[in-house]
Amino acid sequence: MLLSEANIGNLQSLIGKCHQSGKKVLVHLELLGGFKPDQAGINLLKNYYKVDGVISSNLSALRYAKKEGLLTVYRVLLIDSRSLDQSRSILLNTVHRTQLKSYLLNMPASVWS
């Protein structure tokens, strides 16, 4: 379950409801109100809020999340061939190739593999 319009005030309740339904919860860091995506913030998301993963275009935040054992999704905006090349280069230089999975996410629609 992707929570993209949550805030730190309602996040715990939303995550609890999702987990009760047997769903894993990912939060979109750039759209999480009242949150700072630093190492302490990521630690709080995992240990207090019990999120399962994060989505972000912030590579530093994703590195912190990965160290915490969270599922991480690197979000890129592909508007032209240059942004595609730059995103590809970042992925190939920062992520082990066996960890790469390709998805098309047409927000706010579903994910296709």
N, C-alpha and C. Protein backbone atom coordinates (compact mmCIF):
# COMPACT_ATOMS: atom_id res chain seq x y z
N MET A 1 0.86 -1.15 0.00
CA MET A 1 0.00 0.00 0.00
C MET A 1 0.91 1.22 0.00
N LEU A 2 0.68 2.12 -0.92
CA LEU A 2 1.47 3.36 -1.00
C LEU A 2 0.70 4.48 -0.33
N LEU A 3 1.30 5.05 0.71
CA LEU A 3 0.71 6.20 1.38
C LEU A 3 1.43 7.45 0.89
N SER A 4 0.74 8.25 0.10
CA SER A 4 1.40 9.40 -0.50
C SER A 4 0.89 10.75 0.00
N GLU A 5 -0.20 10.78 0.73
CA GLU A 5 -0.72 12.05 1.25
C GLU A 5 -0.88 11.99 2.76
N ALA A 6 -0.03 11.24 3.42
CA ALA A 6 -0.09 11.10 4.87
C ALA A 6 0.76 12.19 5.53
N ASN A 7 0.64 12.29 6.85
CA ASN A 7 1.51 13.18 7.62
C ASN A 7 1.86 12.47 8.92
N ILE A 8 2.80 13.02 9.66
CA ILE A 8 3.25 12.32 10.87
C ILE A 8 2.16 12.22 11.93
N GLY A 9 1.11 13.02 11.80
CA GLY A 9 0.00 12.96 12.74
C GLY A 9 -0.94 11.79 12.51
N ASN A 10 -1.15 11.41 11.25
CA ASN A 10 -2.09 10.31 10.96
C ASN A 10 -1.39 9.05 10.46
N LEU A 11 -0.08 9.09 10.35
CA LEU A 11 0.66 7.97 9.75
C LEU A 11 0.53 6.68 10.56
N GLN A 12 0.66 6.75 11.86
CA GLN A 12 0.61 5.54 12.68
C GLN A 12 -0.73 4.84 12.55
N SER A 13 -1.81 5.59 12.55
CA SER A 13 -3.15 5.02 12.40
C SER A 13 -3.32 4.36 11.03
N LEU A 14 -2.88 5.06 9.98
CA LEU A 14 -3.01 4.51 8.63
C LEU A 14 -2.20 3.23 8.46
N ILE A 15 -0.98 3.22 8.98
CA ILE A 15 -0.14 2.03 8.87
C ILE A 15 -0.75 0.87 9.65
N GLY A 16 -1.28 1.16 10.82
CA GLY A 16 -1.93 0.11 11.62
C GLY A 16 -3.08 -0.54 10.87
N LYS A 17 -3.90 0.26 10.22
CA LYS A 17 -5.03 -0.27 9.45
C LYS A 17 -4.56 -1.12 8.28
N CYS A 18 -3.52 -0.66 7.61
CA CYS A 18 -2.98 -1.42 6.47
C CYS A 18 -2.38 -2.75 6.93
N HIS A 19 -1.61 -2.72 8.00
CA HIS A 19 -1.00 -3.95 8.52
C HIS A 19 -2.06 -4.93 9.02
N GLN A 20 -3.14 -4.43 9.61
CA GLN A 20 -4.24 -5.30 10.05
C GLN A 20 -4.88 -6.01 8.88
N SER A 21 -4.82 -5.39 7.70
CA SER A 21 -5.38 -6.00 6.48
C SER A 21 -4.35 -6.86 5.76
N GLY A 22 -3.18 -7.03 6.35
CA GLY A 22 -2.15 -7.88 5.75
C GLY A 22 -1.37 -7.22 4.63
N LYS A 23 -1.40 -5.90 4.57
CA LYS A 23 -0.70 -5.16 3.50
C LYS A 23 0.62 -4.61 4.00
N LYS A 24 1.61 -4.60 3.14
CA LYS A 24 2.87 -3.91 3.41
C LYS A 24 2.65 -2.43 3.09
N VAL A 25 3.36 -1.57 3.80
CA VAL A 25 3.16 -0.13 3.65
C VAL A 25 4.44 0.55 3.21
N LEU A 26 4.33 1.31 2.11
CA LEU A 26 5.42 2.17 1.65
C LEU A 26 4.93 3.61 1.74
N VAL A 27 5.82 4.50 2.17
CA VAL A 27 5.47 5.91 2.22
C VAL A 27 6.33 6.68 1.23
N HIS A 28 5.72 7.67 0.63
CA HIS A 28 6.42 8.55 -0.32
C HIS A 28 7.01 9.69 0.50
N LEU A 29 8.34 9.70 0.63
CA LEU A 29 8.99 10.64 1.54
C LEU A 29 8.74 12.10 1.20
N GLU A 30 8.71 12.44 -0.08
CA GLU A 30 8.51 13.84 -0.47
C GLU A 30 7.08 14.31 -0.20
N LEU A 31 6.16 13.38 -0.03
CA LEU A 31 4.76 13.75 0.19
C LEU A 31 4.29 13.47 1.61
N LEU A 32 5.21 13.14 2.50
CA LEU A 32 4.88 12.86 3.89
C LEU A 32 5.01 14.14 4.71
N GLY A 33 3.89 14.70 5.10
CA GLY A 33 3.88 15.98 5.80
C GLY A 33 4.53 15.93 7.17
N GLY A 34 5.33 16.95 7.49
CA GLY A 34 5.96 17.07 8.79
C GLY A 34 7.15 16.16 9.00
N PHE A 35 7.72 15.66 7.93
CA PHE A 35 8.80 14.68 8.03
C PHE A 35 10.08 15.20 7.39
N LYS A 36 11.22 14.91 8.01
CA LYS A 36 12.52 15.24 7.45
C LYS A 36 13.23 13.93 7.09
N PRO A 37 13.60 13.73 5.83
CA PRO A 37 14.17 12.45 5.40
C PRO A 37 15.67 12.31 5.68
N ASP A 38 16.05 12.49 6.94
CA ASP A 38 17.45 12.27 7.32
C ASP A 38 17.55 10.92 8.03
N GLN A 39 18.73 10.60 8.55
CA GLN A 39 18.94 9.30 9.17
C GLN A 39 18.02 9.08 10.37
N ALA A 40 17.85 10.10 11.20
CA ALA A 40 16.97 9.99 12.36
C ALA A 40 15.51 9.80 11.93
N GLY A 41 15.10 10.51 10.88
CA GLY A 41 13.74 10.38 10.38
C GLY A 41 13.45 9.00 9.83
N ILE A 42 14.39 8.45 9.08
CA ILE A 42 14.22 7.10 8.52
C ILE A 42 14.16 6.07 9.65
N ASN A 43 15.02 6.23 10.66
CA ASN A 43 15.00 5.34 11.81
C ASN A 43 13.65 5.39 12.51
N LEU A 44 13.09 6.58 12.64
CA LEU A 44 11.77 6.76 13.25
C LEU A 44 10.68 6.07 12.43
N LEU A 45 10.75 6.19 11.10
CA LEU A 45 9.76 5.53 10.25
C LEU A 45 9.76 4.02 10.46
N LYS A 46 10.96 3.46 10.56
CA LYS A 46 11.04 2.01 10.72
C LYS A 46 10.65 1.56 12.12
N ASN A 47 11.22 2.18 13.13
CA ASN A 47 11.08 1.65 14.49
C ASN A 47 9.85 2.15 15.25
N TYR A 48 9.35 3.32 14.93
CA TYR A 48 8.16 3.84 15.61
C TYR A 48 6.90 3.63 14.76
N TYR A 49 6.98 4.05 13.50
CA TYR A 49 5.81 3.96 12.63
C TYR A 49 5.66 2.59 11.98
N LYS A 50 6.73 1.80 11.93
CA LYS A 50 6.71 0.43 11.40
C LYS A 50 6.40 0.37 9.90
N VAL A 51 6.93 1.32 9.13
CA VAL A 51 6.74 1.25 7.68
C VAL A 51 7.58 0.09 7.14
N ASP A 52 7.16 -0.43 6.00
CA ASP A 52 7.88 -1.54 5.36
C ASP A 52 8.85 -1.03 4.30
N GLY A 53 8.60 0.16 3.78
CA GLY A 53 9.48 0.69 2.75
C GLY A 53 9.18 2.14 2.44
N VAL A 54 10.04 2.70 1.59
CA VAL A 54 9.91 4.11 1.22
C VAL A 54 10.10 4.28 -0.28
N ILE A 55 9.49 5.32 -0.79
CA ILE A 55 9.66 5.75 -2.18
C ILE A 55 10.20 7.17 -2.13
N SER A 56 11.24 7.44 -2.92
CA SER A 56 11.81 8.78 -2.90
C SER A 56 12.70 9.00 -4.12
N SER A 57 12.91 10.27 -4.43
CA SER A 57 13.90 10.64 -5.43
C SER A 57 15.18 11.11 -4.74
N ASN A 58 15.21 11.04 -3.41
CA ASN A 58 16.34 11.47 -2.58
C ASN A 58 17.24 10.26 -2.32
N LEU A 59 18.38 10.20 -3.01
CA LEU A 59 19.27 9.04 -2.88
C LEU A 59 19.83 8.89 -1.48
N SER A 60 20.12 9.99 -0.79
CA SER A 60 20.63 9.89 0.58
C SER A 60 19.61 9.23 1.49
N ALA A 61 18.37 9.64 1.38
CA ALA A 61 17.31 9.05 2.20
C ALA A 61 17.16 7.57 1.88
N LEU A 62 17.27 7.21 0.61
CA LEU A 62 17.15 5.80 0.23
C LEU A 62 18.31 4.97 0.78
N ARG A 63 19.50 5.56 0.82
CA ARG A 63 20.64 4.85 1.41
C ARG A 63 20.40 4.59 2.90
N TYR A 64 19.91 5.59 3.62
CA TYR A 64 19.59 5.41 5.03
C TYR A 64 18.54 4.30 5.20
N ALA A 65 17.51 4.35 4.36
CA ALA A 65 16.43 3.36 4.45
C ALA A 65 16.95 1.96 4.16
N LYS A 66 17.81 1.83 3.18
CA LYS A 66 18.38 0.53 2.83
C LYS A 66 19.19 -0.02 4.01
N LYS A 67 19.97 0.85 4.67
CA LYS A 67 20.75 0.42 5.84
C LYS A 67 19.84 -0.04 6.98
N GLU A 68 18.65 0.52 7.06
CA GLU A 68 17.68 0.13 8.09
C GLU A 68 16.92 -1.14 7.71
N GLY A 69 17.16 -1.64 6.50
CA GLY A 69 16.50 -2.87 6.07
C GLY A 69 15.13 -2.65 5.45
N LEU A 70 14.82 -1.41 5.08
CA LEU A 70 13.53 -1.12 4.46
C LEU A 70 13.58 -1.37 2.96
N LEU A 71 12.44 -1.69 2.39
CA LEU A 71 12.29 -1.76 0.94
C LEU A 71 12.44 -0.35 0.41
N THR A 72 13.22 -0.18 -0.65
CA THR A 72 13.42 1.16 -1.20
C THR A 72 13.06 1.19 -2.68
N VAL A 73 12.42 2.27 -3.07
CA VAL A 73 12.06 2.50 -4.47
C VAL A 73 12.57 3.88 -4.86
N TYR A 74 13.44 3.90 -5.87
CA TYR A 74 13.99 5.16 -6.37
C TYR A 74 13.02 5.70 -7.41
N ARG A 75 12.47 6.86 -7.15
CA ARG A 75 11.49 7.48 -8.05
C ARG A 75 12.20 8.45 -8.97
N VAL A 76 11.96 8.29 -10.26
CA VAL A 76 12.54 9.20 -11.24
C VAL A 76 11.42 9.74 -12.12
N LEU A 77 11.62 10.94 -12.58
CA LEU A 77 10.69 11.57 -13.50
C LEU A 77 11.35 11.56 -14.87
N LEU A 78 10.80 10.79 -15.77
CA LEU A 78 11.36 10.68 -17.11
C LEU A 78 10.59 11.57 -18.07
N ILE A 79 11.21 12.69 -18.41
CA ILE A 79 10.53 13.63 -19.31
C ILE A 79 11.21 13.71 -20.67
N ASP A 80 12.44 13.23 -20.74
CA ASP A 80 13.15 13.25 -22.02
C ASP A 80 14.30 12.24 -21.96
N SER A 81 15.03 12.11 -23.06
CA SER A 81 16.10 11.12 -23.12
C SER A 81 17.25 11.45 -22.17
N ARG A 82 17.47 12.73 -21.92
CA ARG A 82 18.53 13.12 -20.99
C ARG A 82 18.22 12.66 -19.57
N SER A 83 16.98 12.85 -19.13
CA SER A 83 16.61 12.40 -17.78
C SER A 83 16.67 10.87 -17.69
N LEU A 84 16.34 10.18 -18.77
CA LEU A 84 16.45 8.72 -18.80
C LEU A 84 17.91 8.30 -18.65
N ASP A 85 18.80 8.92 -19.42
CA ASP A 85 20.23 8.58 -19.35
C ASP A 85 20.80 8.87 -17.96
N GLN A 86 20.44 10.01 -17.39
CA GLN A 86 20.95 10.38 -16.07
C GLN A 86 20.45 9.41 -15.00
N SER A 87 19.18 9.07 -15.04
CA SER A 87 18.62 8.14 -14.06
C SER A 87 19.24 6.76 -14.20
N ARG A 88 19.44 6.33 -15.42
CA ARG A 88 20.07 5.02 -15.67
C ARG A 88 21.48 5.00 -15.11
N SER A 89 22.23 6.06 -15.33
CA SER A 89 23.59 6.15 -14.83
C SER A 89 23.63 6.11 -13.30
N ILE A 90 22.73 6.84 -12.66
CA ILE A 90 22.66 6.83 -11.20
C ILE A 90 22.37 5.43 -10.69
N LEU A 91 21.40 4.77 -11.30
CA LEU A 91 21.04 3.43 -10.86
C LEU A 91 22.19 2.44 -11.04
N LEU A 92 22.83 2.48 -12.18
CA LEU A 92 23.91 1.53 -12.45
C LEU A 92 25.13 1.77 -11.58
N ASN A 93 25.33 2.99 -11.12
CA ASN A 93 26.50 3.31 -10.30
C ASN A 93 26.24 3.23 -8.80
N THR A 94 24.98 3.11 -8.38
CA THR A 94 24.70 3.11 -6.95
C THR A 94 24.01 1.84 -6.47
N VAL A 95 23.50 1.04 -7.36
CA VAL A 95 22.75 -0.15 -6.97
C VAL A 95 23.39 -1.38 -7.60
N HIS A 96 23.48 -2.45 -6.83
CA HIS A 96 23.99 -3.70 -7.38
C HIS A 96 23.01 -4.19 -8.44
N ARG A 97 23.51 -4.63 -9.57
CA ARG A 97 22.65 -5.00 -10.70
C ARG A 97 21.61 -6.06 -10.36
N THR A 98 21.92 -6.97 -9.45
CA THR A 98 20.94 -8.01 -9.12
C THR A 98 19.75 -7.44 -8.35
N GLN A 99 19.88 -6.22 -7.84
CA GLN A 99 18.79 -5.61 -7.10
C GLN A 99 17.86 -4.79 -7.99
N LEU A 100 18.25 -4.59 -9.24
CA LEU A 100 17.44 -3.75 -10.12
C LEU A 100 16.21 -4.49 -10.62
N LYS A 101 15.08 -3.87 -10.51
CA LYS A 101 13.84 -4.37 -11.08
C LYS A 101 13.23 -3.20 -11.82
N SER A 102 12.66 -3.47 -12.94
CA SER A 102 12.10 -2.40 -13.75
C SER A 102 10.58 -2.38 -13.60
N TYR A 103 10.05 -1.22 -13.27
CA TYR A 103 8.61 -1.04 -13.13
C TYR A 103 8.19 0.25 -13.80
N LEU A 104 6.96 0.24 -14.25
CA LEU A 104 6.35 1.47 -14.75
C LEU A 104 5.28 1.85 -13.75
N LEU A 105 5.39 3.01 -13.20
CA LEU A 105 4.41 3.50 -12.24
C LEU A 105 3.80 4.76 -12.80
N ASN A 106 2.53 4.68 -13.12
CA ASN A 106 1.81 5.82 -13.64
C ASN A 106 0.97 6.36 -12.49
N MET A 107 1.54 7.31 -11.74
CA MET A 107 0.87 7.77 -10.52
C MET A 107 -0.40 8.52 -10.86
N PRO A 108 -1.46 8.31 -10.18
CA PRO A 108 -1.64 7.47 -9.01
C PRO A 108 -2.20 6.09 -9.34
N ALA A 109 -1.96 5.59 -10.52
CA ALA A 109 -2.50 4.29 -10.93
C ALA A 109 -1.68 3.14 -10.36
N SER A 110 -1.91 1.96 -10.88
CA SER A 110 -1.25 0.74 -10.40
C SER A 110 0.17 0.63 -10.92
N VAL A 111 0.87 -0.38 -10.42
CA VAL A 111 2.25 -0.66 -10.83
C VAL A 111 2.23 -1.85 -11.76
N TRP A 112 2.97 -1.74 -12.88
CA TRP A 112 3.11 -2.85 -13.81
C TRP A 112 4.56 -3.28 -13.82
N SER A 113 4.79 -4.57 -13.88
CA SER A 113 6.17 -5.08 -13.92
C SER A 113 6.53 -5.40 -15.36
